[in-house]
Amino acid sequence: METKLRTKVEYGIDDETGLRVHKNIEPPKQYLLEKFIFRQNLINEIKSRDIAEPKFHITISYYDKLLDRDFLIKNHRKLRHRMEECFNHRKKGNPKFSSYFFFCERHKSKLSSSEGNTYYFFSKIKTNNLVKNTIEQKWEWDKVDNEITEGGFHTHLLKSDIPDAVMLGNHSKMKQLRKKALGIEFIPPDTSKSLLHYYKILLIDALCRELPLVGNSKASISIKLANSNYFYDYHYGWEGYVAYGTKTCYNADMMWEVIDNANSSLSSSPKIPIKELTKKSITKEKLL
């Protein structure tokens, strides 16, 4: 299968491993080829380990411009801890039962200047970056004070499914969450699958809104099902969301910056308490 023309890469399945591999149709641009290799190594790493398959894709936007990546990582840690104590309290830290993949993505950078700002001297003055070229006698745009303003962070999270037994269980943290998000402490055992799925989304939404800088508007959080209907850069389902989360990763350093390796389920050491868990099993060398 051929990808977008600009990638110039053909996908195939390795007969021995069953994993997706690539074949060159013609020499692609090096940075695009490297992005494909990094991304595919990550997908293959997830597939080859005993990790719960991602089911939900969650996008979290912050009402204040967030530039501190360390603060973002702390937010991810808080969210992961809350999800573990509510959805996976018996198997905390074990990715076989509950998995998480966090991506730190920036909004687009913008070109900013002082144009349009209002200042008060002896009278009200509004700045304008149009200046007159006295040699050619025409107006030109002056960009002398323009600066690139770095975009703030938002979060992409791939989360595994919440077992129906957990949704119906009597664990105290889960009862509190159901009361908060659904207005009920117990879910009837005969609840339909579609309604139970809707409840799962509401519970995830409620936990995400506990984080600092997350607003109350619907635009703050988006939760979608990571099924085969989703498609990005010739990857389907949860693989497509991994491809989307790594769309800006053209080298190992960029991949290392985008992936929240401290809170993502890439470790085979489930016995470490979640508050001490630092997941560094995928190194830069493995991504090469």
C-alpha atoms as a PDB file:
ATOM      1  CA  MET A   1       0.000   0.000   0.000  1.00  0.00           C
ATOM      2  CA  GLU A   2       1.380   3.408  -0.934  1.00  0.00           C
ATOM      3  CA  THR A   3       1.239   6.244   1.578  1.00  0.00           C
ATOM      4  CA  LYS A   4       0.891   9.909   0.821  1.00  0.00           C
ATOM      5  CA  LEU A   5       2.995  10.839  -2.180  1.00  0.00           C
ATOM      6  CA  ARG A   6       5.334  12.942  -0.069  1.00  0.00           C
ATOM      7  CA  THR A   7       6.370   9.988   2.090  1.00  0.00           C
ATOM      8  CA  LYS A   8       7.174   7.686  -0.845  1.00  0.00           C
ATOM      9  CA  VAL A   9       7.129   4.610   1.382  1.00  0.00           C
ATOM     10  CA  GLU A  10       5.316   1.323   0.821  1.00  0.00           C
ATOM     11  CA  TYR A  11       4.028  -0.747   3.742  1.00  0.00           C
ATOM     12  CA  GLY A  12       4.084  -4.521   3.989  1.00  0.00           C
ATOM     13  CA  ILE A  13       3.842  -7.312   6.566  1.00  0.00           C
ATOM     14  CA  ASP A  14       6.897  -9.311   7.608  1.00  0.00           C
ATOM     15  CA  ASP A  15       6.138 -13.043   7.106  1.00  0.00           C
ATOM     16  CA  GLU A  16       8.180 -14.125  10.141  1.00  0.00           C
ATOM     17  CA  THR A  17       7.200 -11.537  12.761  1.00  0.00           C
ATOM     18  CA  GLY A  18       3.813 -10.414  11.445  1.00  0.00           C
ATOM     19  CA  LEU A  19       4.849  -6.791  12.062  1.00  0.00           C
ATOM     20  CA  ARG A  20       4.463  -3.921   9.630  1.00  0.00           C
ATOM     21  CA  VAL A  21       7.622  -3.097   7.660  1.00  0.00           C
ATOM     22  CA  HIS A  22       8.371  -0.643   4.883  1.00  0.00           C
ATOM     23  CA  LYS A  23       9.840  -0.835   1.407  1.00  0.00           C
ATOM     24  CA  ASN A  24      11.188   2.143  -0.480  1.00  0.00           C
ATOM     25  CA  ILE A  25       9.416   2.973  -3.722  1.00  0.00           C
ATOM     26  CA  GLU A  26      12.080   5.561  -4.445  1.00  0.00           C
ATOM     27  CA  PRO A  27      14.553   7.329  -2.172  1.00  0.00           C
ATOM     28  CA  PRO A  28      12.405   9.465   0.169  1.00  0.00           C
ATOM     29  CA  LYS A  29      13.469  12.553   2.031  1.00  0.00           C
ATOM     30  CA  GLN A  30      15.615  11.445   4.934  1.00  0.00           C
ATOM     31  CA  TYR A  31      13.611  13.210   7.652  1.00  0.00           C
ATOM     32  CA  LEU A  32      10.371  11.567   6.451  1.00  0.00           C
ATOM     33  CA  LEU A  33      11.982   8.149   6.384  1.00  0.00           C
ATOM     34  CA  GLU A  34      13.346   8.655   9.903  1.00  0.00           C
ATOM     35  CA  LYS A  35       9.902   9.689  11.157  1.00  0.00           C
ATOM     36  CA  PHE A  36       8.428   6.503   9.691  1.00  0.00           C
ATOM     37  CA  ILE A  37      11.133   4.336  11.288  1.00  0.00           C
ATOM     38  CA  PHE A  38      10.765   5.977  14.741  1.00  0.00           C
ATOM     39  CA  ARG A  39       6.983   5.699  14.619  1.00  0.00           C
ATOM     40  CA  GLN A  40       6.965   2.102  13.410  1.00  0.00           C
ATOM     41  CA  ASN A  41       9.524   1.014  15.985  1.00  0.00           C
ATOM     42  CA  LEU A  42       7.273   2.464  18.675  1.00  0.00           C
ATOM     43  CA  ILE A  43       4.175   0.674  17.326  1.00  0.00           C
ATOM     44  CA  ASN A  44       6.073  -2.606  17.008  1.00  0.00           C
ATOM     45  CA  GLU A  45       7.424  -2.206  20.546  1.00  0.00           C
ATOM     46  CA  ILE A  46       3.872  -1.828  21.895  1.00  0.00           C
ATOM     47  CA  LYS A  47       2.657  -4.839  19.908  1.00  0.00           C
ATOM     48  CA  SER A  48       5.510  -7.085  20.954  1.00  0.00           C
ATOM     49  CA  ARG A  49       4.955  -6.528  24.691  1.00  0.00           C
ATOM     50  CA  ASP A  50       2.163  -7.799  26.904  1.00  0.00           C
ATOM     51  CA  ILE A  51       0.378  -4.448  26.996  1.00  0.00           C
ATOM     52  CA  ALA A  52      -3.377  -3.778  26.950  1.00  0.00           C
ATOM     53  CA  GLU A  53      -4.427  -2.470  23.537  1.00  0.00           C
ATOM     54  CA  PRO A  54      -5.420   1.221  23.527  1.00  0.00           C
ATOM     55  CA  LYS A  55      -9.176   1.817  23.254  1.00  0.00           C
ATOM     56  CA  PHE A  56      -9.736   5.551  23.844  1.00  0.00           C
ATOM     57  CA  HIS A  57      -7.997   8.609  22.405  1.00  0.00           C
ATOM     58  CA  ILE A  58      -8.218  11.622  24.728  1.00  0.00           C
ATOM     59  CA  THR A  59      -7.205  15.186  23.846  1.00  0.00           C
ATOM     60  CA  ILE A  60      -6.847  17.632  26.744  1.00  0.00           C
ATOM     61  CA  SER A  61      -6.527  21.381  26.118  1.00  0.00           C
ATOM     62  CA  TYR A  62      -5.612  23.905  28.805  1.00  0.00           C
ATOM     63  CA  TYR A  63      -7.309  27.278  29.232  1.00  0.00           C
ATOM     64  CA  ASP A  64      -4.014  28.968  30.126  1.00  0.00           C
ATOM     65  CA  LYS A  65      -1.035  28.816  27.795  1.00  0.00           C
ATOM     66  CA  LEU A  66       1.117  25.994  29.149  1.00  0.00           C
ATOM     67  CA  LEU A  67       4.819  26.276  28.271  1.00  0.00           C
ATOM     68  CA  ASP A  68       6.330  24.258  31.140  1.00  0.00           C
ATOM     69  CA  ARG A  69       6.753  20.634  30.031  1.00  0.00           C
ATOM     70  CA  ASP A  70       7.622  19.538  33.583  1.00  0.00           C
ATOM     71  CA  PHE A  71       4.255  20.863  34.784  1.00  0.00           C
ATOM     72  CA  LEU A  72       2.585  18.922  31.956  1.00  0.00           C
ATOM     73  CA  ILE A  73       4.359  15.716  33.009  1.00  0.00           C
ATOM     74  CA  LYS A  74       3.121  16.230  36.592  1.00  0.00           C
ATOM     75  CA  ASN A  75      -0.403  16.631  35.230  1.00  0.00           C
ATOM     76  CA  HIS A  76      -0.021  13.350  33.356  1.00  0.00           C
ATOM     77  CA  ARG A  77       1.211  11.640  36.521  1.00  0.00           C
ATOM     78  CA  LYS A  78      -1.805  12.884  38.485  1.00  0.00           C
ATOM     79  CA  LEU A  79      -4.224  11.722  35.806  1.00  0.00           C
ATOM     80  CA  ARG A  80      -2.586   8.328  35.504  1.00  0.00           C
ATOM     81  CA  HIS A  81      -2.651   7.855  39.276  1.00  0.00           C
ATOM     82  CA  ARG A  82      -6.358   8.746  39.468  1.00  0.00           C
ATOM     83  CA  MET A  83      -7.198   6.395  36.613  1.00  0.00           C
ATOM     84  CA  GLU A  84      -5.215   3.598  38.195  1.00  0.00           C
ATOM     85  CA  GLU A  85      -6.877   3.921  41.606  1.00  0.00           C
ATOM     86  CA  CYS A  86     -10.346   4.020  40.015  1.00  0.00           C
ATOM     87  CA  PHE A  87     -10.061   1.667  37.033  1.00  0.00           C
ATOM     88  CA  ASN A  88      -7.184  -0.660  37.954  1.00  0.00           C
ATOM     89  CA  HIS A  89      -6.790  -0.614  41.730  1.00  0.00           C
ATOM     90  CA  ARG A  90      -6.008  -4.339  42.011  1.00  0.00           C
ATOM     91  CA  LYS A  91      -3.269  -4.333  39.353  1.00  0.00           C
ATOM     92  CA  LYS A  92      -1.739  -0.883  39.725  1.00  0.00           C
ATOM     93  CA  GLY A  93       1.161  -0.214  37.372  1.00  0.00           C
ATOM     94  CA  ASN A  94       0.608  -3.392  35.344  1.00  0.00           C
ATOM     95  CA  PRO A  95       0.241  -2.418  31.646  1.00  0.00           C
ATOM     96  CA  LYS A  96      -1.211  -5.843  30.861  1.00  0.00           C
ATOM     97  CA  PHE A  97      -4.468  -4.714  32.480  1.00  0.00           C
ATOM     98  CA  SER A  98      -4.407  -0.946  31.956  1.00  0.00           C
ATOM     99  CA  SER A  99      -2.188   0.948  29.520  1.00  0.00           C
ATOM    100  CA  TYR A 100      -1.432   4.639  28.927  1.00  0.00           C
ATOM    101  CA  PHE A 101       0.456   6.464  26.185  1.00  0.00           C
ATOM    102  CA  PHE A 102       0.887  10.210  26.701  1.00  0.00           C
ATOM    103  CA  PHE A 103       2.016  12.605  23.962  1.00  0.00           C
ATOM    104  CA  CYS A 104       3.089  16.206  24.637  1.00  0.00           C
ATOM    105  CA  GLU A 105       2.141  18.266  21.603  1.00  0.00           C
ATOM    106  CA  ARG A 106       2.573  21.995  21.124  1.00  0.00           C
ATOM    107  CA  HIS A 107       0.137  24.296  19.401  1.00  0.00           C
ATOM    108  CA  LYS A 108       1.592  25.999  16.338  1.00  0.00           C
ATOM    109  CA  SER A 109       4.071  28.794  16.949  1.00  0.00           C
ATOM    110  CA  LYS A 110       2.978  32.254  15.848  1.00  0.00           C
ATOM    111  CA  LEU A 111       4.664  35.379  14.548  1.00  0.00           C
ATOM    112  CA  SER A 112       3.898  38.236  16.934  1.00  0.00           C
ATOM    113  CA  SER A 113       4.671  41.956  16.965  1.00  0.00           C
ATOM    114  CA  SER A 114       3.556  45.146  18.672  1.00  0.00           C
ATOM    115  CA  GLU A 115       1.181  46.033  15.850  1.00  0.00           C
ATOM    116  CA  GLY A 116      -2.299  46.872  17.044  1.00  0.00           C
ATOM    117  CA  ASN A 117      -1.214  47.524  20.649  1.00  0.00           C
ATOM    118  CA  THR A 118      -2.620  50.671  22.258  1.00  0.00           C
ATOM    119  CA  TYR A 119      -0.360  52.967  24.281  1.00  0.00           C
ATOM    120  CA  TYR A 120      -1.186  56.081  26.282  1.00  0.00           C
ATOM    121  CA  PHE A 121       1.335  58.907  26.148  1.00  0.00           C
ATOM    122  CA  PHE A 122      -0.058  62.453  25.947  1.00  0.00           C
ATOM    123  CA  SER A 123      -2.821  60.989  23.819  1.00  0.00           C
ATOM    124  CA  LYS A 124      -4.103  57.571  22.829  1.00  0.00           C
ATOM    125  CA  ILE A 125      -1.820  55.973  20.219  1.00  0.00           C
ATOM    126  CA  LYS A 126      -2.393  52.698  18.384  1.00  0.00           C
ATOM    127  CA  THR A 127       0.688  51.167  16.766  1.00  0.00           C
ATOM    128  CA  ASN A 128       0.882  50.222  13.111  1.00  0.00           C
ATOM    129  CA  ASN A 129       3.701  48.416  11.341  1.00  0.00           C
ATOM    130  CA  LEU A 130       3.156  50.180   8.036  1.00  0.00           C
ATOM    131  CA  VAL A 131       6.030  52.565   7.314  1.00  0.00           C
ATOM    132  CA  LYS A 132       6.656  54.786   4.328  1.00  0.00           C
ATOM    133  CA  ASN A 133       9.613  54.069   2.062  1.00  0.00           C
ATOM    134  CA  THR A 134      10.724  57.644   1.325  1.00  0.00           C
ATOM    135  CA  ILE A 135      12.969  56.543  -1.547  1.00  0.00           C
ATOM    136  CA  GLU A 136      10.357  54.648  -3.522  1.00  0.00           C
ATOM    137  CA  GLN A 137       7.501  56.691  -2.040  1.00  0.00           C
ATOM    138  CA  LYS A 138       5.362  53.707  -1.042  1.00  0.00           C
ATOM    139  CA  TRP A 139       4.131  52.052   2.122  1.00  0.00           C
ATOM    140  CA  GLU A 140       5.859  48.867   3.324  1.00  0.00           C
ATOM    141  CA  TRP A 141       5.403  46.390   6.142  1.00  0.00           C
ATOM    142  CA  ASP A 142       8.015  46.760   8.865  1.00  0.00           C
ATOM    143  CA  LYS A 143       8.805  43.437  10.610  1.00  0.00           C
ATOM    144  CA  VAL A 144      11.641  44.702  12.763  1.00  0.00           C
ATOM    145  CA  ASP A 145       9.928  43.841  16.091  1.00  0.00           C
ATOM    146  CA  ASN A 146       8.349  40.567  15.009  1.00  0.00           C
ATOM    147  CA  GLU A 147       9.102  37.541  17.181  1.00  0.00           C
ATOM    148  CA  ILE A 148       8.226  33.862  17.016  1.00  0.00           C
ATOM    149  CA  THR A 149       5.954  33.027  19.933  1.00  0.00           C
ATOM    150  CA  GLU A 150       6.161  29.380  20.922  1.00  0.00           C
ATOM    151  CA  GLY A 151       2.878  27.502  21.122  1.00  0.00           C
ATOM    152  CA  GLY A 152       1.619  26.066  24.399  1.00  0.00           C
ATOM    153  CA  PHE A 153       1.265  22.360  25.192  1.00  0.00           C
ATOM    154  CA  HIS A 154      -1.792  20.167  24.996  1.00  0.00           C
ATOM    155  CA  THR A 155      -2.090  16.457  25.785  1.00  0.00           C
ATOM    156  CA  HIS A 156      -2.912  13.415  23.688  1.00  0.00           C
ATOM    157  CA  LEU A 157      -3.549  10.234  25.660  1.00  0.00           C
ATOM    158  CA  LEU A 158      -4.194   6.707  24.418  1.00  0.00           C
ATOM    159  CA  LYS A 159      -5.948   4.721  27.151  1.00  0.00           C
ATOM    160  CA  SER A 160      -6.923   1.047  27.217  1.00  0.00           C
ATOM    161  CA  ASP A 161     -10.507  -0.077  27.812  1.00  0.00           C
ATOM    162  CA  ILE A 162     -12.132  -0.064  31.244  1.00  0.00           C
ATOM    163  CA  PRO A 163     -13.387  -3.592  32.048  1.00  0.00           C
ATOM    164  CA  ASP A 164     -17.151  -3.895  32.483  1.00  0.00           C
ATOM    165  CA  ALA A 165     -16.568  -5.655  35.815  1.00  0.00           C
ATOM    166  CA  VAL A 166     -14.766  -2.550  37.088  1.00  0.00           C
ATOM    167  CA  MET A 167     -17.599  -0.320  35.888  1.00  0.00           C
ATOM    168  CA  LEU A 168     -20.084  -2.400  37.893  1.00  0.00           C
ATOM    169  CA  GLY A 169     -17.798  -3.019  40.891  1.00  0.00           C
ATOM    170  CA  ASN A 170     -18.131  -1.765  44.470  1.00  0.00           C
ATOM    171  CA  HIS A 171     -14.642  -0.290  44.925  1.00  0.00           C
ATOM    172  CA  SER A 172     -14.927   2.896  47.030  1.00  0.00           C
ATOM    173  CA  LYS A 173     -12.987   5.135  44.615  1.00  0.00           C
ATOM    174  CA  MET A 174     -15.131   3.936  41.733  1.00  0.00           C
ATOM    175  CA  LYS A 175     -18.340   4.555  43.691  1.00  0.00           C
ATOM    176  CA  GLN A 176     -17.196   8.103  44.464  1.00  0.00           C
ATOM    177  CA  LEU A 177     -16.365   8.723  40.816  1.00  0.00           C
ATOM    178  CA  ARG A 178     -19.710   7.335  39.624  1.00  0.00           C
ATOM    179  CA  LYS A 179     -21.509   9.581  42.104  1.00  0.00           C
ATOM    180  CA  LYS A 180     -19.566  12.599  40.862  1.00  0.00           C
ATOM    181  CA  ALA A 181     -19.799  11.941  37.111  1.00  0.00           C
ATOM    182  CA  LEU A 182     -23.082  10.021  36.752  1.00  0.00           C
ATOM    183  CA  GLY A 183     -25.013  11.007  39.851  1.00  0.00           C
ATOM    184  CA  ILE A 184     -25.334   7.342  40.909  1.00  0.00           C
ATOM    185  CA  GLU A 185     -23.203   5.064  43.075  1.00  0.00           C
ATOM    186  CA  PHE A 186     -24.131   1.819  41.339  1.00  0.00           C
ATOM    187  CA  ILE A 187     -24.687   0.827  37.708  1.00  0.00           C
ATOM    188  CA  PRO A 188     -27.359  -1.867  37.156  1.00  0.00           C
ATOM    189  CA  PRO A 189     -25.893  -5.193  35.914  1.00  0.00           C
ATOM    190  CA  ASP A 190     -28.335  -5.275  32.977  1.00  0.00           C
ATOM    191  CA  THR A 191     -27.062  -1.948  31.572  1.00  0.00           C
ATOM    192  CA  SER A 192     -26.630  -2.127  27.774  1.00  0.00           C
ATOM    193  CA  LYS A 193     -23.165  -2.140  26.198  1.00  0.00           C
ATOM    194  CA  SER A 194     -23.799   1.167  24.421  1.00  0.00           C
ATOM    195  CA  LEU A 195     -24.872   2.916  27.627  1.00  0.00           C
ATOM    196  CA  LEU A 196     -21.950   1.400  29.535  1.00  0.00           C
ATOM    197  CA  HIS A 197     -19.577   2.745  26.858  1.00  0.00           C
ATOM    198  CA  TYR A 198     -21.142   6.193  27.265  1.00  0.00           C
ATOM    199  CA  TYR A 199     -20.635   5.964  31.038  1.00  0.00           C
ATOM    200  CA  LYS A 200     -16.958   5.132  30.506  1.00  0.00           C
ATOM    201  CA  ILE A 201     -16.500   8.325  28.499  1.00  0.00           C
ATOM    202  CA  LEU A 202     -18.206  10.379  31.231  1.00  0.00           C
ATOM    203  CA  LEU A 203     -15.975   8.878  33.930  1.00  0.00           C
ATOM    204  CA  ILE A 204     -12.805   9.561  31.926  1.00  0.00           C
ATOM    205  CA  ASP A 205     -13.998  13.107  31.261  1.00  0.00           C
ATOM    206  CA  ALA A 206     -14.604  13.691  34.985  1.00  0.00           C
ATOM    207  CA  LEU A 207     -11.076  12.549  35.902  1.00  0.00           C
ATOM    208  CA  CYS A 208      -9.495  14.728  33.207  1.00  0.00           C
ATOM    209  CA  ARG A 209     -11.318  17.783  34.527  1.00  0.00           C
ATOM    210  CA  GLU A 210      -9.714  17.334  37.937  1.00  0.00           C
ATOM    211  CA  LEU A 211      -6.382  18.466  36.462  1.00  0.00           C
ATOM    212  CA  PRO A 212      -5.102  22.028  36.925  1.00  0.00           C
ATOM    213  CA  LEU A 213      -5.712  24.415  33.988  1.00  0.00           C
ATOM    214  CA  VAL A 214      -8.466  22.242  32.464  1.00  0.00           C
ATOM    215  CA  GLY A 215     -11.599  24.287  31.835  1.00  0.00           C
ATOM    216  CA  ASN A 216     -15.276  23.379  32.022  1.00  0.00           C
ATOM    217  CA  SER A 217     -16.105  23.837  28.343  1.00  0.00           C
ATOM    218  CA  LYS A 218     -16.732  20.922  26.002  1.00  0.00           C
ATOM    219  CA  ALA A 219     -13.757  22.052  23.896  1.00  0.00           C
ATOM    220  CA  SER A 220     -11.362  21.334  26.786  1.00  0.00           C
ATOM    221  CA  ILE A 221     -11.609  17.557  26.430  1.00  0.00           C
ATOM    222  CA  SER A 222     -12.256  15.333  23.430  1.00  0.00           C
ATOM    223  CA  ILE A 223     -12.656  11.552  23.854  1.00  0.00           C
ATOM    224  CA  LYS A 224     -12.890   9.280  20.830  1.00  0.00           C
ATOM    225  CA  LEU A 225     -12.934   5.546  20.287  1.00  0.00           C
ATOM    226  CA  ALA A 226      -9.642   4.302  18.831  1.00  0.00           C
ATOM    227  CA  ASN A 227     -11.218   1.778  16.472  1.00  0.00           C
ATOM    228  CA  SER A 228     -10.434   0.779  12.889  1.00  0.00           C
ATOM    229  CA  ASN A 229     -12.554   3.632  11.529  1.00  0.00           C
ATOM    230  CA  TYR A 230      -9.834   6.138  12.413  1.00  0.00           C
ATOM    231  CA  PHE A 231      -7.159   6.639   9.766  1.00  0.00           C
ATOM    232  CA  TYR A 232      -4.008   8.757   9.731  1.00  0.00           C
ATOM    233  CA  ASP A 233      -1.050   8.490   7.362  1.00  0.00           C
ATOM    234  CA  TYR A 234      -2.080   4.950   6.342  1.00  0.00           C
ATOM    235  CA  HIS A 235      -2.316   3.700   9.911  1.00  0.00           C
ATOM    236  CA  TYR A 236      -5.644   2.543  11.309  1.00  0.00           C
ATOM    237  CA  GLY A 237      -7.232   2.473  14.761  1.00  0.00           C
ATOM    238  CA  TRP A 238      -4.960   3.079  17.735  1.00  0.00           C
ATOM    239  CA  GLU A 239      -1.928   2.877  15.425  1.00  0.00           C
ATOM    240  CA  GLY A 240      -3.396   5.839  13.553  1.00  0.00           C
ATOM    241  CA  TYR A 241      -3.554   7.805  16.792  1.00  0.00           C
ATOM    242  CA  VAL A 242       0.086   6.904  17.529  1.00  0.00           C
ATOM    243  CA  ALA A 243       0.922   8.168  14.034  1.00  0.00           C
ATOM    244  CA  TYR A 244      -1.013  11.369  14.739  1.00  0.00           C
ATOM    245  CA  GLY A 245       0.687  11.887  18.098  1.00  0.00           C
ATOM    246  CA  THR A 246       4.137  11.532  16.508  1.00  0.00           C
ATOM    247  CA  LYS A 247       3.465  13.589  13.367  1.00  0.00           C
ATOM    248  CA  THR A 248       6.125  16.156  14.336  1.00  0.00           C
ATOM    249  CA  CYS A 249       8.806  13.606  15.262  1.00  0.00           C
ATOM    250  CA  TYR A 250      11.512  13.706  12.597  1.00  0.00           C
ATOM    251  CA  ASN A 251      14.441  12.580  14.766  1.00  0.00           C
ATOM    252  CA  ALA A 252      15.075  10.754  18.035  1.00  0.00           C
ATOM    253  CA  ASP A 253      15.332  13.953  20.100  1.00  0.00           C
ATOM    254  CA  MET A 254      11.934  15.159  18.856  1.00  0.00           C
ATOM    255  CA  MET A 255      10.424  11.742  19.604  1.00  0.00           C
ATOM    256  CA  TRP A 256      11.931  11.896  23.092  1.00  0.00           C
ATOM    257  CA  GLU A 257      10.411  15.348  23.597  1.00  0.00           C
ATOM    258  CA  VAL A 258       6.907  14.436  22.383  1.00  0.00           C
ATOM    259  CA  ILE A 259       6.466  11.088  24.171  1.00  0.00           C
ATOM    260  CA  ASP A 260       5.923  11.300  27.931  1.00  0.00           C
ATOM    261  CA  ASN A 261       8.128   8.331  28.641  1.00  0.00           C
ATOM    262  CA  ALA A 262       7.795   8.762  32.424  1.00  0.00           C
ATOM    263  CA  ASN A 263       4.068   8.008  32.415  1.00  0.00           C
ATOM    264  CA  SER A 264       3.563   5.806  29.358  1.00  0.00           C
ATOM    265  CA  SER A 265       3.120   2.033  29.632  1.00  0.00           C
ATOM    266  CA  LEU A 266       6.419   0.899  28.189  1.00  0.00           C
ATOM    267  CA  SER A 267       7.874  -0.824  31.230  1.00  0.00           C
ATOM    268  CA  SER A 268       7.819  -4.523  32.090  1.00  0.00           C
ATOM    269  CA  SER A 269       8.152  -3.786  35.829  1.00  0.00           C
ATOM    270  CA  PRO A 270       4.561  -3.648  37.128  1.00  0.00           C
ATOM    271  CA  LYS A 271       5.515  -4.158  40.793  1.00  0.00           C
ATOM    272  CA  ILE A 272       6.931  -0.647  41.211  1.00  0.00           C
ATOM    273  CA  PRO A 273       4.392   1.705  42.879  1.00  0.00           C
ATOM    274  CA  ILE A 274       2.920   4.129  40.376  1.00  0.00           C
ATOM    275  CA  LYS A 275       4.167   7.186  42.256  1.00  0.00           C
ATOM    276  CA  GLU A 276       7.744   5.930  41.835  1.00  0.00           C
ATOM    277  CA  LEU A 277       7.296   4.471  38.376  1.00  0.00           C
ATOM    278  CA  THR A 278       9.573   5.998  35.746  1.00  0.00           C
ATOM    279  CA  LYS A 279       9.261   4.205  32.443  1.00  0.00           C
ATOM    280  CA  LYS A 280      12.516   4.382  30.557  1.00  0.00           C
ATOM    281  CA  SER A 281      12.518   0.997  28.852  1.00  0.00           C
ATOM    282  CA  ILE A 282      12.344   2.498  25.360  1.00  0.00           C
ATOM    283  CA  THR A 283      15.576   4.410  24.880  1.00  0.00           C
ATOM    284  CA  LYS A 284      16.677   6.686  22.079  1.00  0.00           C
ATOM    285  CA  GLU A 285      18.840   3.857  20.792  1.00  0.00           C
ATOM    286  CA  LYS A 286      15.778   1.584  20.449  1.00  0.00           C
ATOM    287  CA  LEU A 287      13.993   4.254  18.453  1.00  0.00           C
ATOM    288  CA  LEU A 288      16.811   4.369  15.920  1.00  0.00           C
END
